[in-house]
N, C-alpha and C. Protein backbone atom coordinates (compact mmCIF):
# COMPACT_ATOMS: atom_id res chain seq x y z
N UNK A 1 0.33 -1.22 -0.22
CA UNK A 1 -0.56 0.28 -0.16
C UNK A 1 0.74 1.80 -0.33
N UNK A 2 1.82 1.40 0.73
CA UNK A 2 2.48 2.49 1.11
C UNK A 2 3.28 2.61 -0.56
N UNK A 3 3.70 1.33 -1.27
CA UNK A 3 4.43 1.36 -2.26
C UNK A 3 3.78 2.33 -3.33
N UNK A 4 2.47 2.07 -3.43
CA UNK A 4 1.86 2.76 -4.23
C UNK A 4 0.74 3.95 -4.21
N UNK A 5 1.07 4.38 -2.49
CA UNK A 5 0.85 5.77 -2.39
C UNK A 5 2.15 6.33 -2.89
N UNK A 6 3.31 6.41 -3.19
CA UNK A 6 5.08 6.80 -3.48
C UNK A 6 4.25 6.62 -4.98
N UNK A 7 4.38 5.69 -5.05
CA UNK A 7 4.04 5.38 -6.70
C UNK A 7 3.17 7.08 -7.53
N UNK A 8 2.02 6.37 -6.93
CA UNK A 8 1.14 7.60 -7.09
C UNK A 8 1.56 9.35 -7.35
N UNK A 9 2.36 9.14 -5.60
CA UNK A 9 3.09 10.53 -6.23
C UNK A 9 3.84 10.78 -6.88
N UNK A 10 4.56 9.79 -7.43
CA UNK A 10 5.90 9.92 -8.39
C UNK A 10 5.32 10.48 -9.48
N UNK A 11 3.64 9.98 -9.60
CA UNK A 11 3.55 10.04 -11.14
C UNK A 11 3.01 11.42 -11.29
N UNK A 12 2.31 12.08 -10.34
CA UNK A 12 1.44 12.94 -9.86
C UNK A 12 2.77 14.91 -10.36
N UNK A 13 3.81 14.36 -8.82
CA UNK A 13 4.58 15.45 -9.45
C UNK A 13 5.89 15.33 -10.73
N UNK A 14 5.71 13.80 -11.32
CA UNK A 14 5.92 14.08 -12.40
C UNK A 14 5.54 14.52 -13.90
N UNK A 15 4.12 14.34 -14.15
CA UNK A 15 3.56 15.04 -14.73
C UNK A 15 3.63 16.38 -14.43
N UNK A 16 3.21 16.83 -13.53
CA UNK A 16 2.96 18.16 -12.86
C UNK A 16 4.83 19.25 -13.50
N UNK A 17 5.69 18.13 -13.22
CA UNK A 17 7.12 19.27 -13.74
C UNK A 17 6.70 18.67 -15.08
N UNK A 18 6.65 17.52 -15.93
CA UNK A 18 6.18 17.90 -17.03
C UNK A 18 5.88 19.16 -18.05
N UNK A 19 4.44 19.14 -17.55
CA UNK A 19 3.92 20.66 -17.52
C UNK A 19 4.33 22.11 -17.72
N UNK A 20 5.09 22.18 -16.22
CA UNK A 20 6.50 23.27 -15.94
C UNK A 20 7.15 23.42 -17.11
N UNK A 21 7.82 22.13 -17.70
CA UNK A 21 8.56 22.25 -18.28
C UNK A 21 8.21 22.63 -19.85
N UNK A 22 6.79 22.22 -20.38
CA UNK A 22 6.03 22.44 -21.53
C UNK A 22 6.26 23.70 -21.14
N UNK A 23 5.34 24.41 -21.01
CA UNK A 23 5.05 25.66 -20.15
C UNK A 23 5.86 26.60 -20.83
N UNK A 24 7.06 26.13 -20.11
CA UNK A 24 8.51 27.08 -20.42
C UNK A 24 9.01 26.93 -21.65
N UNK A 25 8.82 25.61 -22.30
CA UNK A 25 9.44 25.75 -23.67
C UNK A 25 8.50 26.46 -24.58
N UNK A 26 7.61 26.80 -24.25
CA UNK A 26 5.80 27.10 -25.24
C UNK A 26 6.60 28.61 -25.37
N UNK A 27 6.90 29.16 -24.07
CA UNK A 27 7.39 29.99 -23.52
C UNK A 27 8.37 30.95 -24.08
N UNK A 28 9.30 29.84 -24.11
CA UNK A 28 10.64 30.71 -24.68
C UNK A 28 10.74 30.59 -26.13
N UNK A 29 9.66 29.32 -26.89
CA UNK A 29 9.35 29.58 -28.11
C UNK A 29 8.87 31.08 -28.57
N UNK A 30 8.06 30.70 -27.86
CA UNK A 30 6.77 32.81 -28.49
C UNK A 30 7.87 33.26 -28.36
N UNK A 31 9.11 33.49 -27.75
CA UNK A 31 9.96 34.50 -26.95
C UNK A 31 10.50 34.84 -28.11
N UNK A 32 11.46 33.35 -28.89
CA UNK A 32 11.86 33.39 -30.00
C UNK A 32 11.52 33.99 -31.27
N UNK A 33 10.07 33.15 -31.60
CA UNK A 33 9.03 33.86 -32.62
C UNK A 33 9.50 35.32 -32.50
N UNK A 34 9.17 36.13 -31.77
CA UNK A 34 8.94 37.24 -31.40
C UNK A 34 10.39 38.66 -31.42
N UNK A 35 11.54 37.40 -31.23
CA UNK A 35 12.82 38.14 -31.30
C UNK A 35 12.55 38.43 -33.11
N UNK A 36 12.48 36.93 -33.24
CA UNK A 36 12.67 36.75 -35.16
C UNK A 36 12.27 37.70 -35.96
N UNK A 37 10.90 37.48 -35.32
CA UNK A 37 9.95 38.29 -36.61
C UNK A 37 10.39 40.22 -36.40
N UNK A 38 10.72 40.51 -34.85
CA UNK A 38 10.82 41.90 -35.24
C UNK A 38 12.73 41.79 -35.99
N UNK A 39 13.64 41.28 -35.77
CA UNK A 39 15.35 41.33 -36.10
C UNK A 39 14.77 41.61 -37.77
N UNK A 40 14.05 40.31 -38.57
CA UNK A 40 13.45 40.67 -39.76
C UNK A 40 12.89 41.78 -39.94
N UNK A 41 12.15 41.69 -39.26
CA UNK A 41 11.47 43.73 -39.74
C UNK A 41 12.65 44.39 -39.62
N UNK A 42 13.17 44.68 -38.54
CA UNK A 42 13.83 45.47 -38.75
C UNK A 42 15.76 45.68 -39.73
N UNK A 43 15.60 44.31 -40.34
CA UNK A 43 16.90 44.52 -40.93
C UNK A 43 16.27 44.00 -41.98
N UNK A 44 15.20 44.38 -42.71
CA UNK A 44 13.97 44.85 -44.14
C UNK A 44 14.31 45.72 -44.81
N UNK A 45 14.66 46.63 -43.76
CA UNK A 45 14.30 48.92 -44.47
C UNK A 45 15.58 49.52 -43.54
N UNK A 46 15.52 50.54 -44.68
CA UNK A 46 17.15 51.12 -44.52
C UNK A 46 16.93 51.98 -42.92
N UNK A 47 18.15 51.89 -42.46
CA UNK A 47 18.24 52.01 -40.75
C UNK A 47 18.20 54.13 -40.88
N UNK A 48 18.43 54.52 -41.54
CA UNK A 48 17.76 55.78 -41.29
C UNK A 48 17.33 56.72 -42.54
N UNK A 49 17.42 58.09 -41.93
CA UNK A 49 17.19 59.19 -43.61
C UNK A 49 18.28 59.11 -44.06
N UNK A 50 18.02 59.94 -45.30
CA UNK A 50 19.70 60.02 -46.17
C UNK A 50 19.62 61.80 -46.05
N UNK A 51 20.47 62.34 -45.38
CA UNK A 51 21.45 63.35 -45.31
C UNK A 51 20.55 64.09 -47.41
N UNK A 52 19.08 65.53 -46.82
CA UNK A 52 19.57 66.21 -48.42
C UNK A 52 18.15 64.96 -48.35
N UNK A 53 17.41 64.36 -47.78
CA UNK A 53 15.83 64.22 -48.68
C UNK A 53 15.49 65.07 -47.76
N UNK A 54 13.72 64.97 -48.04
CA UNK A 54 12.84 66.16 -48.00
C UNK A 54 12.53 65.20 -46.24
N UNK A 55 12.24 65.81 -44.86
CA UNK A 55 11.93 65.00 -44.04
C UNK A 55 10.51 64.55 -43.88
N UNK A 56 10.01 63.28 -43.61
CA UNK A 56 8.67 62.99 -44.02
C UNK A 56 8.15 63.71 -42.94
N UNK A 57 7.00 63.64 -43.45
CA UNK A 57 5.31 64.69 -42.70
C UNK A 57 4.35 64.42 -41.72
N UNK A 58 4.62 65.13 -40.94
CA UNK A 58 3.99 64.42 -39.71
C UNK A 58 2.51 65.57 -38.94
N UNK A 59 1.55 64.76 -38.72
CA UNK A 59 0.67 65.78 -37.61
C UNK A 59 0.60 65.43 -36.50
N UNK A 60 0.87 65.67 -35.30
CA UNK A 60 0.28 64.35 -34.24
C UNK A 60 0.49 65.78 -33.21
N UNK A 61 -0.26 64.99 -31.77
CA UNK A 61 -0.32 66.09 -30.83
C UNK A 61 0.04 66.36 -30.15
N UNK A 62 0.18 67.36 -29.03
CA UNK A 62 1.41 66.79 -28.04
C UNK A 62 0.58 67.39 -26.77
N UNK A 63 0.82 67.55 -25.71
CA UNK A 63 0.32 67.35 -24.36
C UNK A 63 -0.96 68.18 -24.19
N UNK A 64 -0.74 68.84 -24.76
CA UNK A 64 -1.89 69.45 -24.57
C UNK A 64 -3.50 70.24 -25.46
N UNK A 65 -3.02 68.44 -26.15
CA UNK A 65 -4.08 68.42 -27.02
C UNK A 65 -3.76 69.48 -28.68
N UNK A 66 -3.08 70.31 -28.75
CA UNK A 66 -2.74 71.10 -29.56
C UNK A 66 -2.29 69.78 -30.80
N UNK A 67 -2.16 70.27 -31.98
CA UNK A 67 -1.87 69.99 -32.87
C UNK A 67 -0.69 70.26 -33.51
N UNK A 68 0.38 69.70 -34.18
CA UNK A 68 1.88 70.08 -34.46
C UNK A 68 2.08 69.56 -36.01
N UNK A 69 2.27 69.83 -37.71
CA UNK A 69 3.19 69.24 -38.09
C UNK A 69 4.10 69.97 -38.53
N UNK A 70 5.50 69.28 -39.27
CA UNK A 70 6.04 69.22 -39.55
C UNK A 70 6.19 70.87 -40.37
N UNK A 71 5.27 71.53 -41.56
CA UNK A 71 5.16 72.83 -41.80
C UNK A 71 5.59 73.95 -41.02
N UNK A 72 4.53 73.34 -39.70
CA UNK A 72 4.68 75.03 -38.52
C UNK A 72 5.80 75.51 -38.39
N UNK A 73 7.54 74.81 -39.49
CA UNK A 73 8.40 74.73 -38.32
C UNK A 73 9.38 75.45 -39.84
N UNK A 74 8.37 75.53 -40.88
CA UNK A 74 9.69 76.40 -42.06
C UNK A 74 9.91 77.82 -41.89
N UNK A 75 10.96 77.32 -42.38
CA UNK A 75 11.58 78.95 -41.80
C UNK A 75 12.82 78.68 -40.84
N UNK A 76 12.94 77.36 -39.75
CA UNK A 76 13.19 77.48 -39.23
C UNK A 76 14.11 75.50 -38.64
N UNK A 77 15.09 76.06 -38.40
CA UNK A 77 15.96 74.73 -38.12
C UNK A 77 15.31 73.72 -36.79
N UNK A 78 14.13 72.04 -37.06
CA UNK A 78 13.69 71.33 -36.65
C UNK A 78 14.36 70.26 -35.90
N UNK A 79 14.66 70.62 -34.16
CA UNK A 79 15.24 69.48 -33.70
C UNK A 79 14.32 68.42 -33.60
N UNK A 80 14.62 67.60 -33.81
CA UNK A 80 13.06 66.49 -33.80
C UNK A 80 13.78 64.70 -33.40
N UNK A 81 13.84 65.08 -31.88
CA UNK A 81 14.04 63.78 -31.94
C UNK A 81 13.41 62.79 -31.10
N UNK A 82 13.16 61.33 -31.52
CA UNK A 82 12.89 60.78 -30.60
C UNK A 82 13.49 59.94 -29.37
N UNK A 83 12.35 59.33 -28.59
CA UNK A 83 13.41 58.80 -27.24
C UNK A 83 12.57 57.73 -27.07
N UNK A 84 12.74 57.15 -26.46
CA UNK A 84 11.66 55.62 -26.45
C UNK A 84 10.67 55.73 -25.01
N UNK A 85 11.12 56.37 -23.88
CA UNK A 85 9.96 56.58 -23.04
C UNK A 85 10.20 57.58 -21.55
N UNK A 86 9.14 58.39 -21.74
CA UNK A 86 8.77 59.23 -20.33
C UNK A 86 9.39 58.72 -19.12
N UNK A 87 9.94 60.16 -18.69
CA UNK A 87 9.97 59.75 -17.45
C UNK A 87 11.15 58.68 -17.20
N UNK A 88 12.03 58.12 -17.77
CA UNK A 88 12.93 56.98 -17.89
C UNK A 88 14.27 57.78 -16.95
N UNK A 89 15.37 57.07 -16.84
CA UNK A 89 16.63 57.88 -16.62
C UNK A 89 17.12 58.65 -17.53
N UNK A 90 17.42 57.31 -19.16
CA UNK A 90 18.61 58.71 -20.07
C UNK A 90 17.51 59.69 -20.65
N UNK A 91 16.29 59.60 -21.02
CA UNK A 91 15.13 60.22 -21.75
C UNK A 91 15.08 61.61 -20.38
N UNK A 92 15.07 61.24 -19.32
CA UNK A 92 15.02 62.23 -18.68
C UNK A 92 16.21 63.42 -18.43
N UNK A 93 17.69 62.39 -18.97
CA UNK A 93 18.69 63.22 -18.94
C UNK A 93 18.60 64.25 -20.09
N UNK A 94 18.31 63.49 -21.21
CA UNK A 94 18.58 64.26 -22.51
C UNK A 94 17.40 65.55 -22.75
N UNK A 95 15.64 64.79 -22.30
CA UNK A 95 14.55 66.84 -22.11
C UNK A 95 15.67 67.54 -21.17
N UNK A 96 16.05 67.21 -20.52
CA UNK A 96 15.99 68.41 -19.46
C UNK A 96 17.67 68.89 -20.21
N UNK A 97 18.38 67.71 -20.82
CA UNK A 97 19.47 68.91 -21.77
C UNK A 97 18.96 69.84 -22.62
N UNK A 98 18.32 69.70 -22.81
CA UNK A 98 17.27 70.10 -24.35
C UNK A 98 16.89 71.79 -23.30
N UNK A 99 16.38 71.17 -21.94
CA UNK A 99 15.45 72.43 -21.49
C UNK A 99 17.01 73.35 -20.86
N UNK A 100 17.74 72.59 -21.01
CA UNK A 100 18.79 73.75 -20.05
C UNK A 100 19.17 74.40 -21.36
N UNK A 101 19.44 74.18 -22.37
CA UNK A 101 19.85 74.58 -23.36
C UNK A 101 18.88 75.13 -24.48
N UNK A 102 17.36 75.74 -23.99
CA UNK A 102 16.83 75.89 -24.71
C UNK A 102 16.77 76.97 -25.47
N UNK A 103 16.97 77.84 -24.53
CA UNK A 103 17.68 79.89 -25.02
C UNK A 103 18.67 79.52 -25.67
N UNK A 104 19.85 78.68 -25.97
CA UNK A 104 20.47 78.94 -26.52
C UNK A 104 20.75 78.08 -28.23
N UNK A 105 19.51 77.18 -28.31
CA UNK A 105 19.15 76.96 -29.72
C UNK A 105 17.74 77.22 -29.82
N UNK A 106 17.38 78.37 -29.36
CA UNK A 106 16.11 79.17 -29.91
C UNK A 106 17.56 80.44 -30.51
N UNK A 107 18.17 81.15 -29.80
CA UNK A 107 18.57 81.74 -30.49
C UNK A 107 19.73 81.43 -32.01
N UNK A 108 19.91 79.91 -32.09
CA UNK A 108 20.70 79.78 -33.13
C UNK A 108 19.49 79.29 -34.34
N UNK A 109 17.56 80.07 -33.63
CA UNK A 109 16.63 79.68 -34.58
C UNK A 109 16.30 78.29 -34.94
N UNK A 110 16.42 77.43 -33.83
CA UNK A 110 16.08 76.13 -33.31
C UNK A 110 15.06 75.92 -32.76
N UNK A 111 14.23 74.76 -33.13
CA UNK A 111 12.96 74.41 -32.24
C UNK A 111 13.05 72.44 -32.10
N UNK A 112 12.21 72.57 -30.56
CA UNK A 112 12.54 71.15 -29.97
C UNK A 112 11.86 70.42 -30.63
N UNK A 113 11.59 69.37 -30.81
CA UNK A 113 10.05 68.61 -30.75
C UNK A 113 10.57 67.41 -30.21
N UNK A 114 9.98 67.18 -29.04
CA UNK A 114 10.05 65.95 -28.83
C UNK A 114 8.70 64.39 -29.53
N UNK A 115 9.64 63.15 -29.72
CA UNK A 115 8.13 62.19 -29.91
C UNK A 115 8.65 60.54 -29.22
N UNK A 116 7.57 60.43 -28.99
CA UNK A 116 7.57 58.83 -28.20
C UNK A 116 6.32 58.23 -28.67
N UNK A 117 5.90 57.25 -28.58
CA UNK A 117 4.65 56.33 -28.60
C UNK A 117 3.95 56.55 -27.25
N UNK A 118 4.57 57.43 -25.96
CA UNK A 118 3.31 57.76 -24.97
C UNK A 118 2.53 57.97 -25.17
N UNK A 119 1.57 58.62 -24.53
CA UNK A 119 0.33 59.60 -24.83
C UNK A 119 0.70 60.70 -24.45
N UNK A 120 -0.38 61.61 -24.86
CA UNK A 120 -0.31 62.36 -24.93
C UNK A 120 -0.75 63.16 -22.71
N UNK A 121 -1.49 62.19 -22.27
CA UNK A 121 -1.35 62.32 -20.74
C UNK A 121 -0.01 62.22 -20.77
N UNK A 122 0.53 60.95 -20.66
CA UNK A 122 1.90 60.42 -20.03
C UNK A 122 3.22 61.86 -20.36
N UNK A 123 3.26 62.69 -21.63
CA UNK A 123 4.16 63.50 -21.89
C UNK A 123 3.63 64.45 -20.88
N UNK A 124 2.07 65.43 -21.16
CA UNK A 124 1.86 66.01 -19.90
C UNK A 124 2.75 66.07 -18.70
N UNK A 125 2.39 64.74 -17.79
CA UNK A 125 3.65 64.77 -16.91
C UNK A 125 4.82 64.71 -16.53
N UNK A 126 4.83 64.34 -17.63
CA UNK A 126 6.09 63.96 -18.10
C UNK A 126 7.06 65.55 -18.04
N UNK A 127 6.27 66.42 -19.09
CA UNK A 127 6.62 68.33 -19.11
C UNK A 127 6.51 68.81 -18.00
N UNK A 128 5.39 68.76 -17.07
CA UNK A 128 4.86 69.22 -15.85
C UNK A 128 6.23 68.91 -15.05
N UNK A 129 6.65 67.61 -14.34
CA UNK A 129 7.54 67.50 -13.61
C UNK A 129 8.72 67.51 -13.22
N UNK A 130 9.64 68.20 -14.98
CA UNK A 130 10.76 68.28 -15.43
C UNK A 130 10.72 69.58 -16.19
N UNK A 131 9.26 70.71 -15.92
CA UNK A 131 9.69 71.72 -16.54
C UNK A 131 10.19 71.60 -18.21
N UNK A 132 9.35 71.53 -19.00
CA UNK A 132 9.91 71.12 -20.09
C UNK A 132 9.71 72.26 -21.13
N UNK A 133 10.28 73.34 -21.78
CA UNK A 133 9.59 74.39 -22.67
C UNK A 133 9.41 74.27 -23.36
N UNK A 134 9.15 72.79 -24.93
CA UNK A 134 9.52 72.55 -25.86
C UNK A 134 8.05 71.08 -25.75
N UNK A 135 7.82 71.22 -27.07
CA UNK A 135 6.41 70.24 -27.21
C UNK A 135 6.34 68.86 -27.29
N UNK A 136 6.44 67.85 -26.60
CA UNK A 136 6.88 65.96 -26.67
C UNK A 136 5.46 65.79 -27.37
N UNK A 137 5.23 65.40 -28.70
CA UNK A 137 3.84 64.43 -29.42
C UNK A 137 3.35 63.54 -29.44
N UNK A 138 2.49 62.87 -29.04
CA UNK A 138 1.57 61.58 -28.89
C UNK A 138 1.96 60.68 -30.66
N UNK A 139 3.26 59.84 -30.31
CA UNK A 139 2.32 58.92 -31.72
C UNK A 139 2.26 57.74 -31.10
N UNK A 140 0.78 57.97 -30.99
CA UNK A 140 1.03 56.61 -29.88
C UNK A 140 1.06 55.10 -31.17
N UNK A 141 0.51 55.31 -32.02
CA UNK A 141 0.80 54.34 -33.27
C UNK A 141 2.03 53.91 -34.14
N UNK A 142 2.92 54.97 -33.71
CA UNK A 142 4.59 54.54 -33.60
C UNK A 142 4.50 54.69 -35.61
N UNK A 143 3.18 55.43 -36.48
CA UNK A 143 3.36 55.66 -37.57
C UNK A 143 4.90 56.32 -38.03
N UNK A 144 4.57 57.51 -37.16
CA UNK A 144 5.73 58.92 -37.75
C UNK A 144 7.28 58.14 -37.16
N UNK A 145 7.12 57.64 -36.61
CA UNK A 145 9.30 57.14 -35.57
C UNK A 145 9.09 55.93 -36.86
N UNK A 146 8.27 55.18 -37.36
CA UNK A 146 9.01 54.63 -38.41
C UNK A 146 8.87 54.88 -39.76
N UNK A 147 8.19 55.74 -39.80
CA UNK A 147 8.40 56.87 -40.91
C UNK A 147 9.86 57.17 -41.20
N UNK A 148 10.40 57.44 -40.23
CA UNK A 148 12.16 58.35 -40.15
C UNK A 148 12.61 57.11 -39.97
N UNK A 149 12.20 56.06 -39.78
CA UNK A 149 13.12 54.36 -39.44
C UNK A 149 13.64 54.66 -38.14
N UNK A 150 12.70 54.71 -37.18
CA UNK A 150 13.22 55.22 -35.91
C UNK A 150 12.37 54.84 -34.72
N UNK A 151 11.18 53.32 -35.48
CA UNK A 151 10.66 52.26 -34.19
C UNK A 151 11.58 51.18 -34.43
N UNK A 152 11.92 50.33 -33.33
CA UNK A 152 11.76 49.26 -32.46
C UNK A 152 10.04 48.37 -32.66
N UNK A 153 9.80 47.46 -33.54
CA UNK A 153 8.65 47.15 -33.79
C UNK A 153 9.13 45.61 -33.35
N UNK A 154 8.30 45.12 -31.83
CA UNK A 154 8.36 43.35 -31.51
C UNK A 154 6.93 42.75 -31.60
N UNK A 155 6.50 43.63 -33.11
CA UNK A 155 4.80 43.38 -32.01
C UNK A 155 3.63 42.94 -31.43
N UNK A 156 4.25 42.83 -30.80
CA UNK A 156 3.30 42.90 -29.25
C UNK A 156 3.76 44.59 -28.12
N UNK A 157 4.70 44.77 -29.12
CA UNK A 157 5.48 45.89 -28.58
C UNK A 157 6.38 47.10 -29.18
N UNK A 158 5.83 48.17 -29.47
CA UNK A 158 6.35 49.16 -30.56
C UNK A 158 6.93 50.28 -29.26
N UNK A 159 8.52 50.63 -29.81
CA UNK A 159 8.70 51.75 -28.94
C UNK A 159 10.00 52.46 -29.83
N UNK A 160 9.92 53.88 -29.71
CA UNK A 160 10.37 54.75 -30.27
C UNK A 160 12.17 54.12 -30.03
N UNK A 161 13.58 54.35 -31.31
CA UNK A 161 14.48 54.60 -30.98
C UNK A 161 14.55 55.64 -30.54
N UNK A 162 16.06 55.81 -29.87
CA UNK A 162 16.47 57.19 -29.80
C UNK A 162 17.52 57.77 -31.28
N UNK A 163 16.77 58.58 -31.74
CA UNK A 163 17.52 59.01 -32.62
C UNK A 163 17.23 60.49 -33.04
N UNK A 164 17.61 61.29 -33.49
CA UNK A 164 17.41 62.57 -33.80
C UNK A 164 17.79 62.92 -35.05
N UNK A 165 16.62 64.19 -35.31
CA UNK A 165 16.91 64.90 -36.62
C UNK A 165 16.98 65.78 -36.61
N UNK A 166 17.61 66.72 -37.32
CA UNK A 166 18.13 68.09 -37.34
C UNK A 166 17.51 68.17 -39.08
N UNK A 167 16.42 69.06 -39.23
CA UNK A 167 15.91 69.09 -40.32
C UNK A 167 16.02 70.53 -40.19
N UNK A 168 15.86 71.51 -41.23
CA UNK A 168 16.77 72.74 -42.26
C UNK A 168 15.34 73.24 -42.18
N UNK A 169 15.58 74.85 -42.43
CA UNK A 169 14.85 75.83 -42.37
C UNK A 169 13.85 75.38 -43.88
N UNK A 170 14.33 74.55 -44.56
CA UNK A 170 13.64 74.55 -45.92
C UNK A 170 12.41 72.76 -46.17
N UNK A 171 12.80 72.37 -44.85
CA UNK A 171 12.72 71.19 -44.40
C UNK A 171 13.06 69.89 -45.15
N UNK A 172 14.85 69.51 -45.14
CA UNK A 172 15.24 68.45 -45.58
C UNK A 172 16.24 68.52 -44.82
N UNK A 173 16.57 66.48 -44.42
CA UNK A 173 17.30 66.59 -43.22
C UNK A 173 18.80 66.76 -43.55
N UNK A 174 19.47 67.23 -43.20
CA UNK A 174 20.80 67.38 -42.89
C UNK A 174 21.80 66.82 -41.63
N UNK A 175 21.14 66.76 -40.45
CA UNK A 175 22.02 65.85 -39.86
C UNK A 175 20.71 64.92 -38.86
N UNK A 176 21.81 63.94 -39.09
CA UNK A 176 20.45 62.78 -38.42
C UNK A 176 21.99 61.75 -37.14
N UNK A 177 21.17 61.35 -35.82
CA UNK A 177 21.92 61.02 -34.47
C UNK A 177 21.67 60.10 -34.25
N UNK A 178 21.84 58.87 -34.73
CA UNK A 178 21.94 57.42 -34.71
C UNK A 178 22.36 56.62 -33.08
N UNK A 179 23.36 57.59 -32.15
CA UNK A 179 24.31 57.05 -31.52
C UNK A 179 24.05 58.06 -30.31
N UNK A 180 23.45 58.28 -29.41
CA UNK A 180 22.86 58.53 -29.21
C UNK A 180 23.99 59.21 -27.02
N UNK A 181 24.74 60.90 -27.33
CA UNK A 181 25.01 60.26 -25.56
C UNK A 181 24.00 61.63 -24.77
N UNK A 182 23.31 60.65 -23.75
CA UNK A 182 22.13 61.79 -23.12
C UNK A 182 23.15 62.58 -22.96
N UNK A 183 24.06 63.00 -22.13
CA UNK A 183 24.37 63.60 -21.33
C UNK A 183 25.10 64.77 -22.44
N UNK A 184 25.04 64.52 -23.51
CA UNK A 184 25.90 65.39 -23.85
C UNK A 184 24.68 65.77 -25.99
N UNK A 185 24.09 65.35 -25.42
CA UNK A 185 23.59 65.65 -27.05
C UNK A 185 23.37 67.02 -27.32
N UNK A 186 22.21 67.43 -26.39
CA UNK A 186 22.05 69.32 -26.83
C UNK A 186 23.14 69.80 -27.28
N UNK A 187 24.74 69.34 -27.17
CA UNK A 187 25.86 70.29 -26.35
C UNK A 187 25.92 70.09 -28.20
N UNK A 188 26.31 69.22 -28.13
CA UNK A 188 26.68 68.56 -29.85
C UNK A 188 25.86 69.32 -30.86
N UNK A 189 24.57 68.96 -30.62
CA UNK A 189 23.34 69.79 -31.76
C UNK A 189 23.60 70.95 -32.07
N UNK A 190 23.60 71.85 -31.35
CA UNK A 190 24.23 73.38 -30.67
C UNK A 190 25.77 73.38 -31.73
N UNK A 191 26.29 72.42 -31.00
CA UNK A 191 27.71 72.89 -32.32
C UNK A 191 27.96 72.28 -33.30
N UNK A 192 27.27 72.07 -34.00
CA UNK A 192 26.74 71.26 -35.34
C UNK A 192 25.73 72.86 -36.17
N UNK A 193 25.07 72.89 -35.48
CA UNK A 193 23.98 74.12 -35.69
C UNK A 193 25.60 75.60 -35.77
N UNK A 194 25.55 75.99 -35.07
CA UNK A 194 27.17 77.07 -35.62
C UNK A 194 27.92 76.89 -36.40
N UNK A 195 28.24 75.19 -36.54
CA UNK A 195 29.16 75.09 -37.51
C UNK A 195 28.34 75.17 -39.31
N UNK A 196 27.17 74.86 -39.13
CA UNK A 196 26.63 75.00 -40.33
C UNK A 196 26.22 76.74 -40.41
N UNK A 197 25.43 76.99 -39.93
CA UNK A 197 25.51 78.83 -40.16
C UNK A 197 26.74 79.71 -40.52
N UNK A 198 27.62 79.05 -40.00
CA UNK A 198 29.07 79.85 -40.58
C UNK A 198 29.79 79.05 -41.19
N UNK A 199 29.48 77.87 -41.97
CA UNK A 199 29.50 77.01 -43.47
C UNK A 199 28.39 76.70 -44.04
N UNK A 200 27.18 77.14 -44.54
CA UNK A 200 25.92 77.08 -44.59
C UNK A 200 25.76 76.05 -46.03
N UNK A 201 25.45 74.55 -46.22
CA UNK A 201 26.18 73.39 -47.63
C UNK A 201 24.87 73.61 -48.45
């Protein structure tokens, strides 16, 4: 009788272990499939826009529900920066650097606009918390980021890459930043704007 109980217990725990292993295996298979699909999607498109081409148009709302579009910035340089997530360490540092250099950038004839897939409400909280003086646009479906090749699409998750595009007063892309140091990025753009205005291309 005792041996039967032991055998029954063994069968029960063995089946439970097999079930857990099967679930884990299915989980890893799903993760692998998502990763492969995401990689294939990423690898089949150009990595960024080309210098000199027209910047893709956009029409998005900011934290206050105001609509912004590319043509609003004609006659000015536009620093259009994409970032992954509101109120995360790197994105906060990058935004605060733009905030601290905002007056200097304005004097150089440049406007700053941030874009992520976060909602307008999220943007409003982020901007209020850090006193950001420039608009943050809600690209909730990721279509604008995708048009700038600045979207990581993992099927179940979309997130903007940390890319910045410097667009000249006629709407052409004159500088692309795909490797961003958040602590120095704003100053980097200031230096580039000064160089462009000394020797315009």
